[in-house]
Amino acid sequence: MKFHLETKRLLLREFRITDVEGMFELDSNPKVHKYLGKKTIKTKEEAKKMIEFILKQYKENGIGRFAVIEKSSGNFIGWSGLKLNKGTKESLNGFQDFIDIGYRFIPKYWKKGYGLETAIACLEYGFNSMNLDIIYGAAEIENIGSNKILQKIGLQFVNEFKEDNELVNWYELKKENYGK
């Protein structure tokens, strides 16, 4: 899969095995995983396996998370994008086989608006290029930043649910309400 999406400051592209250093920096950081079940990775081999899983998603599902590169520095700063959550293993809030929007950045790139910038671009791609009917989002209640982004891009709060003993907000945006 070849994917290339640009925003004013960022490049979103397909993951490459060469992104292993950046993926390790991202997912080994406890701050990044504070609202993600606190399940950091410990080795670069784990980072490589995560990238391989994403590459498999591209082939099987035609979509997956994308590496985010800061244009001004050329640095890998995290990922953003849409993902097909398949089957019971990836079910959430009683849903399975759904597309969700997500983003994750290395902490030194937080508070720069990159999450919002990439989420807007991914939503547009999902509705206009992929012709999706609905996109979902979820964020732990205490994760104020992610909840704000989901709301700013137009996702509507649906309900709260419990995941791994944490309260999580569930959002959705239907294509017919996109851009309103």
N, C-alpha and C. Protein backbone atom coordinates (compact mmCIF):
# COMPACT_ATOMS: atom_id res chain seq x y z
N MET A 1 0.84 -1.17 0.00
CA MET A 1 0.00 0.00 0.00
C MET A 1 0.89 1.24 0.00
N LYS A 2 0.61 2.14 -0.87
CA LYS A 2 1.31 3.42 -0.89
C LYS A 2 0.35 4.47 -0.39
N PHE A 3 0.77 5.20 0.60
CA PHE A 3 -0.08 6.20 1.21
C PHE A 3 0.76 7.44 1.46
N HIS A 4 0.20 8.56 1.12
CA HIS A 4 0.90 9.83 1.33
C HIS A 4 -0.16 10.90 1.55
N LEU A 5 -0.12 11.51 2.71
CA LEU A 5 -1.05 12.56 3.03
C LEU A 5 -0.26 13.67 3.71
N GLU A 6 -0.49 14.90 3.31
CA GLU A 6 0.24 16.01 3.91
C GLU A 6 -0.71 16.99 4.55
N THR A 7 -0.24 17.55 5.66
CA THR A 7 -0.89 18.69 6.27
C THR A 7 0.11 19.84 6.17
N LYS A 8 -0.21 20.95 6.74
CA LYS A 8 0.69 22.11 6.67
C LYS A 8 2.08 21.78 7.23
N ARG A 9 2.12 21.05 8.35
CA ARG A 9 3.39 20.81 9.03
C ARG A 9 3.85 19.36 9.04
N LEU A 10 2.99 18.46 8.57
CA LEU A 10 3.26 17.04 8.76
C LEU A 10 3.06 16.22 7.50
N LEU A 11 3.74 15.10 7.47
CA LEU A 11 3.59 14.10 6.42
C LEU A 11 3.10 12.82 7.08
N LEU A 12 2.03 12.26 6.56
CA LEU A 12 1.54 10.97 7.01
C LEU A 12 1.82 9.99 5.89
N ARG A 13 2.50 8.90 6.24
CA ARG A 13 2.86 7.91 5.23
C ARG A 13 2.77 6.52 5.83
N GLU A 14 2.86 5.53 4.95
CA GLU A 14 2.82 4.15 5.43
C GLU A 14 4.05 3.89 6.32
N PHE A 15 3.86 3.01 7.27
CA PHE A 15 4.99 2.62 8.13
C PHE A 15 6.01 1.85 7.31
N ARG A 16 7.25 1.92 7.77
CA ARG A 16 8.36 1.16 7.19
C ARG A 16 9.09 0.49 8.34
N ILE A 17 9.72 -0.63 8.05
CA ILE A 17 10.50 -1.32 9.08
C ILE A 17 11.57 -0.38 9.65
N THR A 18 12.04 0.55 8.85
CA THR A 18 13.07 1.49 9.31
C THR A 18 12.54 2.47 10.37
N ASP A 19 11.24 2.45 10.64
CA ASP A 19 10.65 3.30 11.68
C ASP A 19 10.76 2.68 13.07
N VAL A 20 11.49 1.58 13.17
CA VAL A 20 11.55 0.84 14.43
C VAL A 20 12.09 1.68 15.59
N GLU A 21 13.10 2.52 15.35
CA GLU A 21 13.66 3.36 16.43
C GLU A 21 12.60 4.32 16.96
N GLY A 22 11.90 4.98 16.05
CA GLY A 22 10.85 5.91 16.46
C GLY A 22 9.71 5.22 17.17
N MET A 23 9.31 4.07 16.66
CA MET A 23 8.22 3.30 17.29
C MET A 23 8.63 2.86 18.69
N PHE A 24 9.88 2.47 18.84
CA PHE A 24 10.36 2.07 20.17
C PHE A 24 10.36 3.27 21.12
N GLU A 25 10.84 4.42 20.65
CA GLU A 25 10.84 5.62 21.49
C GLU A 25 9.42 5.97 21.93
N LEU A 26 8.48 5.82 21.02
CA LEU A 26 7.08 6.13 21.30
C LEU A 26 6.49 5.16 22.32
N ASP A 27 6.52 3.88 22.01
CA ASP A 27 5.76 2.91 22.80
C ASP A 27 6.49 2.32 23.99
N SER A 28 7.73 2.74 24.21
CA SER A 28 8.42 2.35 25.45
C SER A 28 8.27 3.43 26.52
N ASN A 29 7.64 4.54 26.17
CA ASN A 29 7.52 5.68 27.07
C ASN A 29 6.27 5.55 27.95
N PRO A 30 6.45 5.49 29.29
CA PRO A 30 5.30 5.37 30.18
C PRO A 30 4.31 6.54 30.08
N LYS A 31 4.78 7.75 29.76
CA LYS A 31 3.87 8.89 29.61
C LYS A 31 2.90 8.65 28.46
N VAL A 32 3.39 8.05 27.38
CA VAL A 32 2.55 7.77 26.21
C VAL A 32 1.45 6.78 26.57
N HIS A 33 1.78 5.83 27.42
CA HIS A 33 0.85 4.76 27.75
C HIS A 33 0.03 4.99 29.02
N LYS A 34 0.10 6.19 29.56
CA LYS A 34 -0.64 6.50 30.79
C LYS A 34 -2.13 6.17 30.64
N TYR A 35 -2.72 6.49 29.49
CA TYR A 35 -4.14 6.25 29.25
C TYR A 35 -4.37 5.12 28.25
N LEU A 36 -3.40 4.26 28.11
CA LEU A 36 -3.50 3.15 27.15
C LEU A 36 -3.24 1.81 27.84
N GLY A 37 -3.60 1.72 29.09
CA GLY A 37 -3.43 0.48 29.82
C GLY A 37 -2.05 0.29 30.43
N LYS A 38 -1.20 1.31 30.30
CA LYS A 38 0.15 1.27 30.89
C LYS A 38 0.95 0.05 30.43
N LYS A 39 0.80 -0.32 29.15
CA LYS A 39 1.48 -1.50 28.60
C LYS A 39 2.58 -1.09 27.64
N THR A 40 3.67 -0.58 28.18
CA THR A 40 4.78 -0.16 27.34
C THR A 40 5.52 -1.38 26.79
N ILE A 41 6.22 -1.16 25.69
CA ILE A 41 7.07 -2.22 25.15
C ILE A 41 8.46 -2.10 25.77
N LYS A 42 9.19 -3.20 25.73
CA LYS A 42 10.51 -3.22 26.38
C LYS A 42 11.67 -3.38 25.41
N THR A 43 11.39 -3.82 24.18
CA THR A 43 12.47 -4.10 23.24
C THR A 43 12.16 -3.55 21.85
N LYS A 44 13.21 -3.37 21.07
CA LYS A 44 13.04 -2.92 19.68
C LYS A 44 12.40 -4.03 18.84
N GLU A 45 12.59 -5.27 19.25
CA GLU A 45 11.93 -6.39 18.55
C GLU A 45 10.41 -6.26 18.67
N GLU A 46 9.93 -5.83 19.85
CA GLU A 46 8.49 -5.60 20.02
C GLU A 46 8.01 -4.47 19.10
N ALA A 47 8.83 -3.42 18.97
CA ALA A 47 8.49 -2.31 18.08
C ALA A 47 8.41 -2.81 16.64
N LYS A 48 9.35 -3.65 16.25
CA LYS A 48 9.35 -4.21 14.89
C LYS A 48 8.10 -5.05 14.66
N LYS A 49 7.70 -5.83 15.64
CA LYS A 49 6.48 -6.66 15.50
C LYS A 49 5.24 -5.79 15.37
N MET A 50 5.22 -4.67 16.08
CA MET A 50 4.08 -3.75 15.96
C MET A 50 4.00 -3.18 14.54
N ILE A 51 5.14 -2.81 14.00
CA ILE A 51 5.17 -2.29 12.63
C ILE A 51 4.74 -3.37 11.65
N GLU A 52 5.21 -4.58 11.84
CA GLU A 52 4.81 -5.69 10.96
C GLU A 52 3.31 -5.93 11.02
N PHE A 53 2.72 -5.78 12.21
CA PHE A 53 1.27 -5.93 12.37
C PHE A 53 0.54 -4.84 11.58
N ILE A 54 1.02 -3.62 11.64
CA ILE A 54 0.41 -2.52 10.89
C ILE A 54 0.54 -2.76 9.39
N LEU A 55 1.71 -3.23 8.93
CA LEU A 55 1.91 -3.52 7.51
C LEU A 55 0.94 -4.62 7.04
N LYS A 56 0.70 -5.58 7.91
CA LYS A 56 -0.27 -6.66 7.60
C LYS A 56 -1.68 -6.07 7.48
N GLN A 57 -2.01 -5.11 8.34
CA GLN A 57 -3.32 -4.46 8.26
C GLN A 57 -3.50 -3.75 6.93
N TYR A 58 -2.46 -3.09 6.45
CA TYR A 58 -2.56 -2.43 5.15
C TYR A 58 -2.96 -3.43 4.07
N LYS A 59 -2.28 -4.57 4.07
CA LYS A 59 -2.54 -5.60 3.04
C LYS A 59 -3.92 -6.20 3.19
N GLU A 60 -4.29 -6.55 4.41
CA GLU A 60 -5.56 -7.25 4.63
C GLU A 60 -6.77 -6.33 4.64
N ASN A 61 -6.62 -5.11 5.15
CA ASN A 61 -7.76 -4.23 5.36
C ASN A 61 -7.77 -2.97 4.52
N GLY A 62 -6.65 -2.68 3.86
CA GLY A 62 -6.57 -1.48 3.05
C GLY A 62 -6.43 -0.20 3.86
N ILE A 63 -6.18 -0.34 5.16
CA ILE A 63 -6.04 0.83 6.03
C ILE A 63 -5.29 0.39 7.29
N GLY A 64 -4.74 1.36 7.98
CA GLY A 64 -4.04 1.13 9.24
C GLY A 64 -3.48 2.46 9.72
N ARG A 65 -2.82 2.44 10.85
CA ARG A 65 -2.21 3.66 11.35
C ARG A 65 -1.05 4.06 10.44
N PHE A 66 -0.75 5.35 10.41
CA PHE A 66 0.31 5.85 9.54
C PHE A 66 1.38 6.58 10.34
N ALA A 67 2.60 6.42 9.91
CA ALA A 67 3.72 7.13 10.53
C ALA A 67 3.53 8.62 10.27
N VAL A 68 3.81 9.42 11.29
CA VAL A 68 3.72 10.87 11.16
C VAL A 68 5.13 11.44 11.24
N ILE A 69 5.48 12.20 10.21
CA ILE A 69 6.80 12.80 10.09
C ILE A 69 6.65 14.31 10.14
N GLU A 70 7.43 14.95 11.01
CA GLU A 70 7.44 16.40 11.09
C GLU A 70 8.23 16.94 9.89
N LYS A 71 7.60 17.74 9.05
CA LYS A 71 8.25 18.24 7.84
C LYS A 71 9.51 19.05 8.15
N SER A 72 9.44 19.92 9.16
CA SER A 72 10.56 20.83 9.42
C SER A 72 11.82 20.09 9.86
N SER A 73 11.68 18.96 10.53
CA SER A 73 12.85 18.24 11.04
C SER A 73 13.10 16.91 10.33
N GLY A 74 12.05 16.37 9.69
CA GLY A 74 12.16 15.04 9.09
C GLY A 74 12.03 13.92 10.12
N ASN A 75 11.70 14.27 11.37
CA ASN A 75 11.63 13.29 12.45
C ASN A 75 10.32 12.52 12.47
N PHE A 76 10.42 11.24 12.81
CA PHE A 76 9.25 10.42 13.16
C PHE A 76 8.77 10.94 14.50
N ILE A 77 7.49 11.33 14.57
CA ILE A 77 6.98 11.89 15.83
C ILE A 77 5.88 11.04 16.44
N GLY A 78 5.41 10.03 15.72
CA GLY A 78 4.35 9.18 16.24
C GLY A 78 3.52 8.61 15.11
N TRP A 79 2.27 8.31 15.41
CA TRP A 79 1.39 7.80 14.36
C TRP A 79 -0.01 8.39 14.53
N SER A 80 -0.76 8.31 13.45
CA SER A 80 -2.13 8.77 13.43
C SER A 80 -2.84 8.00 12.33
N GLY A 81 -4.15 7.92 12.42
CA GLY A 81 -4.85 7.30 11.31
C GLY A 81 -6.07 6.51 11.70
N LEU A 82 -6.55 5.79 10.72
CA LEU A 82 -7.75 4.98 10.85
C LEU A 82 -7.35 3.51 10.93
N LYS A 83 -8.15 2.75 11.66
CA LYS A 83 -7.85 1.33 11.82
C LYS A 83 -9.15 0.56 11.82
N LEU A 84 -9.14 -0.57 11.12
CA LEU A 84 -10.27 -1.50 11.17
C LEU A 84 -10.03 -2.43 12.35
N ASN A 85 -10.89 -2.37 13.32
CA ASN A 85 -10.82 -3.25 14.49
C ASN A 85 -11.68 -4.47 14.18
N LYS A 86 -11.02 -5.63 14.02
CA LYS A 86 -11.71 -6.83 13.55
C LYS A 86 -11.87 -7.87 14.65
N GLY A 87 -13.04 -8.49 14.64
CA GLY A 87 -13.28 -9.64 15.49
C GLY A 87 -13.38 -9.31 16.97
N THR A 88 -13.58 -10.34 17.75
CA THR A 88 -13.78 -10.16 19.19
C THR A 88 -12.51 -9.68 19.88
N LYS A 89 -11.34 -10.06 19.37
CA LYS A 89 -10.08 -9.65 20.01
C LYS A 89 -9.91 -8.14 20.00
N GLU A 90 -10.40 -7.47 18.96
CA GLU A 90 -10.26 -6.02 18.85
C GLU A 90 -11.58 -5.29 19.11
N SER A 91 -12.54 -5.99 19.70
CA SER A 91 -13.83 -5.35 19.98
C SER A 91 -13.68 -4.33 21.10
N LEU A 92 -14.58 -3.37 21.09
CA LEU A 92 -14.54 -2.29 22.08
C LEU A 92 -15.97 -1.78 22.26
N ASN A 93 -16.38 -1.63 23.50
CA ASN A 93 -17.70 -1.09 23.81
C ASN A 93 -18.82 -1.89 23.13
N GLY A 94 -18.61 -3.19 22.98
CA GLY A 94 -19.62 -4.04 22.34
C GLY A 94 -19.59 -3.99 20.83
N PHE A 95 -18.67 -3.26 20.24
CA PHE A 95 -18.56 -3.15 18.79
C PHE A 95 -17.41 -4.02 18.30
N GLN A 96 -17.59 -4.58 17.11
CA GLN A 96 -16.48 -5.22 16.43
C GLN A 96 -16.63 -4.95 14.93
N ASP A 97 -15.53 -5.06 14.23
CA ASP A 97 -15.50 -4.75 12.79
C ASP A 97 -15.91 -3.30 12.54
N PHE A 98 -15.21 -2.40 13.17
CA PHE A 98 -15.48 -0.96 13.04
C PHE A 98 -14.18 -0.22 12.78
N ILE A 99 -14.31 0.96 12.19
CA ILE A 99 -13.16 1.84 11.94
C ILE A 99 -13.08 2.87 13.06
N ASP A 100 -11.89 2.99 13.64
CA ASP A 100 -11.70 4.03 14.64
C ASP A 100 -10.56 4.94 14.22
N ILE A 101 -10.58 6.12 14.79
CA ILE A 101 -9.53 7.10 14.55
C ILE A 101 -8.66 7.16 15.80
N GLY A 102 -7.36 7.25 15.60
CA GLY A 102 -6.46 7.29 16.73
C GLY A 102 -5.17 8.02 16.39
N TYR A 103 -4.41 8.34 17.41
CA TYR A 103 -3.16 9.08 17.25
C TYR A 103 -2.35 8.86 18.51
N ARG A 104 -1.05 8.88 18.34
CA ARG A 104 -0.13 8.68 19.46
C ARG A 104 1.18 9.36 19.09
N PHE A 105 1.68 10.22 19.98
CA PHE A 105 2.88 10.99 19.67
C PHE A 105 3.92 10.90 20.79
N ILE A 106 5.17 11.02 20.42
CA ILE A 106 6.27 11.09 21.38
C ILE A 106 6.08 12.38 22.19
N PRO A 107 6.21 12.32 23.53
CA PRO A 107 5.88 13.48 24.37
C PRO A 107 6.51 14.81 23.99
N LYS A 108 7.73 14.83 23.46
CA LYS A 108 8.33 16.12 23.12
C LYS A 108 7.58 16.82 21.98
N TYR A 109 6.65 16.10 21.33
CA TYR A 109 5.85 16.68 20.25
C TYR A 109 4.41 16.97 20.70
N TRP A 110 4.12 16.79 21.97
CA TRP A 110 2.80 17.11 22.50
C TRP A 110 2.62 18.63 22.57
N LYS A 111 1.37 19.03 22.62
CA LYS A 111 0.96 20.44 22.80
C LYS A 111 1.42 21.34 21.65
N LYS A 112 1.51 20.75 20.46
CA LYS A 112 1.84 21.52 19.26
C LYS A 112 0.68 21.52 18.26
N GLY A 113 -0.42 20.84 18.63
CA GLY A 113 -1.57 20.75 17.74
C GLY A 113 -1.46 19.65 16.70
N TYR A 114 -0.45 18.79 16.82
CA TYR A 114 -0.25 17.74 15.81
C TYR A 114 -1.36 16.69 15.83
N GLY A 115 -1.87 16.37 17.02
CA GLY A 115 -2.96 15.39 17.11
C GLY A 115 -4.18 15.87 16.35
N LEU A 116 -4.56 17.11 16.59
CA LEU A 116 -5.71 17.69 15.91
C LEU A 116 -5.46 17.79 14.40
N GLU A 117 -4.29 18.25 14.03
CA GLU A 117 -3.94 18.42 12.61
C GLU A 117 -4.04 17.10 11.85
N THR A 118 -3.50 16.03 12.44
CA THR A 118 -3.55 14.73 11.75
C THR A 118 -4.94 14.13 11.80
N ALA A 119 -5.66 14.32 12.90
CA ALA A 119 -7.01 13.77 13.01
C ALA A 119 -7.94 14.38 11.96
N ILE A 120 -7.82 15.68 11.74
CA ILE A 120 -8.64 16.34 10.71
C ILE A 120 -8.34 15.73 9.34
N ALA A 121 -7.06 15.56 9.04
CA ALA A 121 -6.67 15.00 7.74
C ALA A 121 -7.15 13.56 7.59
N CYS A 122 -7.07 12.78 8.65
CA CYS A 122 -7.48 11.37 8.58
C CYS A 122 -9.00 11.24 8.45
N LEU A 123 -9.73 12.10 9.13
CA LEU A 123 -11.19 12.09 9.01
C LEU A 123 -11.60 12.42 7.58
N GLU A 124 -10.99 13.42 7.02
CA GLU A 124 -11.27 13.81 5.64
C GLU A 124 -10.96 12.65 4.69
N TYR A 125 -9.83 12.02 4.89
CA TYR A 125 -9.44 10.88 4.07
C TYR A 125 -10.46 9.74 4.21
N GLY A 126 -10.87 9.46 5.43
CA GLY A 126 -11.82 8.37 5.67
C GLY A 126 -13.16 8.59 5.00
N PHE A 127 -13.69 9.79 5.12
CA PHE A 127 -15.00 10.06 4.54
C PHE A 127 -14.95 10.34 3.04
N ASN A 128 -13.94 11.07 2.59
CA ASN A 128 -13.92 11.49 1.19
C ASN A 128 -13.19 10.53 0.26
N SER A 129 -12.11 9.90 0.72
CA SER A 129 -11.37 8.98 -0.14
C SER A 129 -11.80 7.53 0.04
N MET A 130 -12.06 7.14 1.29
CA MET A 130 -12.45 5.76 1.55
C MET A 130 -13.96 5.58 1.52
N ASN A 131 -14.70 6.69 1.52
CA ASN A 131 -16.16 6.68 1.49
C ASN A 131 -16.77 5.90 2.66
N LEU A 132 -16.19 6.07 3.84
CA LEU A 132 -16.71 5.40 5.03
C LEU A 132 -18.03 6.04 5.45
N ASP A 133 -18.89 5.25 6.07
CA ASP A 133 -20.18 5.74 6.55
C ASP A 133 -20.11 6.27 7.97
N ILE A 134 -19.20 5.68 8.78
CA ILE A 134 -19.11 6.08 10.18
C ILE A 134 -17.69 5.81 10.69
N ILE A 135 -17.21 6.70 11.54
CA ILE A 135 -15.90 6.55 12.18
C ILE A 135 -16.11 6.73 13.67
N TYR A 136 -15.49 5.85 14.45
CA TYR A 136 -15.61 5.87 15.90
C TYR A 136 -14.32 6.35 16.54
N GLY A 137 -14.41 6.75 17.79
CA GLY A 137 -13.25 7.12 18.58
C GLY A 137 -13.50 6.79 20.03
N ALA A 138 -12.42 6.55 20.76
CA ALA A 138 -12.53 6.25 22.19
C ALA A 138 -11.35 6.89 22.91
N ALA A 139 -11.60 7.37 24.11
CA ALA A 139 -10.54 7.96 24.93
C ALA A 139 -10.92 7.80 26.40
N GLU A 140 -9.94 7.39 27.20
CA GLU A 140 -10.20 7.34 28.64
C GLU A 140 -10.69 8.70 29.10
N ILE A 141 -11.62 8.70 30.02
CA ILE A 141 -12.23 9.94 30.51
C ILE A 141 -11.17 10.93 31.00
N GLU A 142 -10.14 10.43 31.68
CA GLU A 142 -9.12 11.31 32.23
C GLU A 142 -8.15 11.85 31.18
N ASN A 143 -8.19 11.32 29.98
CA ASN A 143 -7.31 11.78 28.91
C ASN A 143 -7.96 13.00 28.24
N ILE A 144 -7.80 14.13 28.90
CA ILE A 144 -8.46 15.37 28.48
C ILE A 144 -8.07 15.75 27.04
N GLY A 145 -6.79 15.65 26.71
CA GLY A 145 -6.32 16.03 25.37
C GLY A 145 -6.99 15.24 24.27
N SER A 146 -7.04 13.92 24.40
CA SER A 146 -7.66 13.10 23.36
C SER A 146 -9.16 13.35 23.26
N ASN A 147 -9.82 13.52 24.39
CA ASN A 147 -11.25 13.81 24.36
C ASN A 147 -11.52 15.13 23.64
N LYS A 148 -10.69 16.13 23.90
CA LYS A 148 -10.86 17.43 23.23
C LYS A 148 -10.69 17.31 21.72
N ILE A 149 -9.67 16.54 21.30
CA ILE A 149 -9.44 16.36 19.86
C ILE A 149 -10.64 15.68 19.21
N LEU A 150 -11.13 14.60 19.80
CA LEU A 150 -12.27 13.89 19.22
C LEU A 150 -13.48 14.80 19.10
N GLN A 151 -13.69 15.63 20.09
CA GLN A 151 -14.82 16.56 20.04
C GLN A 151 -14.59 17.66 19.01
N LYS A 152 -13.37 18.20 18.94
CA LYS A 152 -13.07 19.27 17.98
C LYS A 152 -13.23 18.83 16.54
N ILE A 153 -12.93 17.55 16.25
CA ILE A 153 -13.06 17.10 14.86
C ILE A 153 -14.49 16.67 14.53
N GLY A 154 -15.38 16.80 15.51
CA GLY A 154 -16.80 16.60 15.22
C GLY A 154 -17.39 15.29 15.69
N LEU A 155 -16.60 14.42 16.31
CA LEU A 155 -17.18 13.18 16.81
C LEU A 155 -18.13 13.51 17.97
N GLN A 156 -19.22 12.79 18.02
CA GLN A 156 -20.25 13.03 19.03
C GLN A 156 -20.16 11.98 20.13
N PHE A 157 -20.23 12.43 21.37
CA PHE A 157 -20.23 11.53 22.51
C PHE A 157 -21.46 10.62 22.44
N VAL A 158 -21.23 9.33 22.66
CA VAL A 158 -22.33 8.36 22.66
C VAL A 158 -22.57 7.80 24.06
N ASN A 159 -21.52 7.31 24.68
CA ASN A 159 -21.65 6.74 26.02
C ASN A 159 -20.30 6.54 26.67
N GLU A 160 -20.35 6.18 27.95
CA GLU A 160 -19.17 5.77 28.70
C GLU A 160 -19.20 4.25 28.81
N PHE A 161 -18.02 3.64 28.82
CA PHE A 161 -17.94 2.20 29.06
C PHE A 161 -16.67 1.91 29.83
N LYS A 162 -16.59 0.73 30.38
CA LYS A 162 -15.43 0.35 31.17
C LYS A 162 -14.55 -0.58 30.34
N GLU A 163 -13.25 -0.28 30.32
CA GLU A 163 -12.26 -1.11 29.62
C GLU A 163 -11.05 -1.22 30.54
N ASP A 164 -10.67 -2.43 30.88
CA ASP A 164 -9.53 -2.64 31.80
C ASP A 164 -9.67 -1.80 33.07
N ASN A 165 -10.87 -1.79 33.63
CA ASN A 165 -11.17 -1.06 34.88
C ASN A 165 -11.02 0.45 34.77
N GLU A 166 -11.02 0.97 33.56
CA GLU A 166 -10.97 2.42 33.35
C GLU A 166 -12.24 2.86 32.63
N LEU A 167 -12.74 4.04 32.98
CA LEU A 167 -13.89 4.60 32.26
C LEU A 167 -13.41 5.26 30.97
N VAL A 168 -14.11 4.95 29.89
CA VAL A 168 -13.72 5.41 28.56
C VAL A 168 -14.93 6.07 27.90
N ASN A 169 -14.69 7.19 27.22
CA ASN A 169 -15.74 7.84 26.42
C ASN A 169 -15.73 7.25 25.02
N TRP A 170 -16.92 7.01 24.48
CA TRP A 170 -17.11 6.45 23.15
C TRP A 170 -17.77 7.51 22.28
N TYR A 171 -17.20 7.72 21.10
CA TYR A 171 -17.67 8.75 20.17
C TYR A 171 -17.93 8.15 18.81
N GLU A 172 -18.75 8.85 18.03
CA GLU A 172 -18.96 8.44 16.64
C GLU A 172 -19.24 9.68 15.79
N LEU A 173 -18.94 9.53 14.50
CA LEU A 173 -19.30 10.55 13.53
C LEU A 173 -19.77 9.84 12.26
N LYS A 174 -21.00 10.13 11.89
CA LYS A 174 -21.57 9.57 10.66
C LYS A 174 -21.25 10.51 9.50
N LYS A 175 -21.05 9.92 8.34
CA LYS A 175 -20.69 10.71 7.17
C LYS A 175 -21.68 11.84 6.93
N GLU A 176 -22.96 11.58 7.11
CA GLU A 176 -23.96 12.61 6.84
C GLU A 176 -23.84 13.81 7.78
N ASN A 177 -23.15 13.64 8.91
CA ASN A 177 -22.96 14.75 9.85
C ASN A 177 -21.56 15.36 9.75
N TYR A 178 -20.72 14.79 8.89
CA TYR A 178 -19.35 15.27 8.74
C TYR A 178 -19.34 16.67 8.13
N GLY A 179 -18.62 17.57 8.78
CA GLY A 179 -18.50 18.93 8.26
C GLY A 179 -19.62 19.85 8.63
N LYS A 180 -20.55 19.39 9.46
CA LYS A 180 -21.68 20.24 9.85
C LYS A 180 -21.38 20.98 11.11
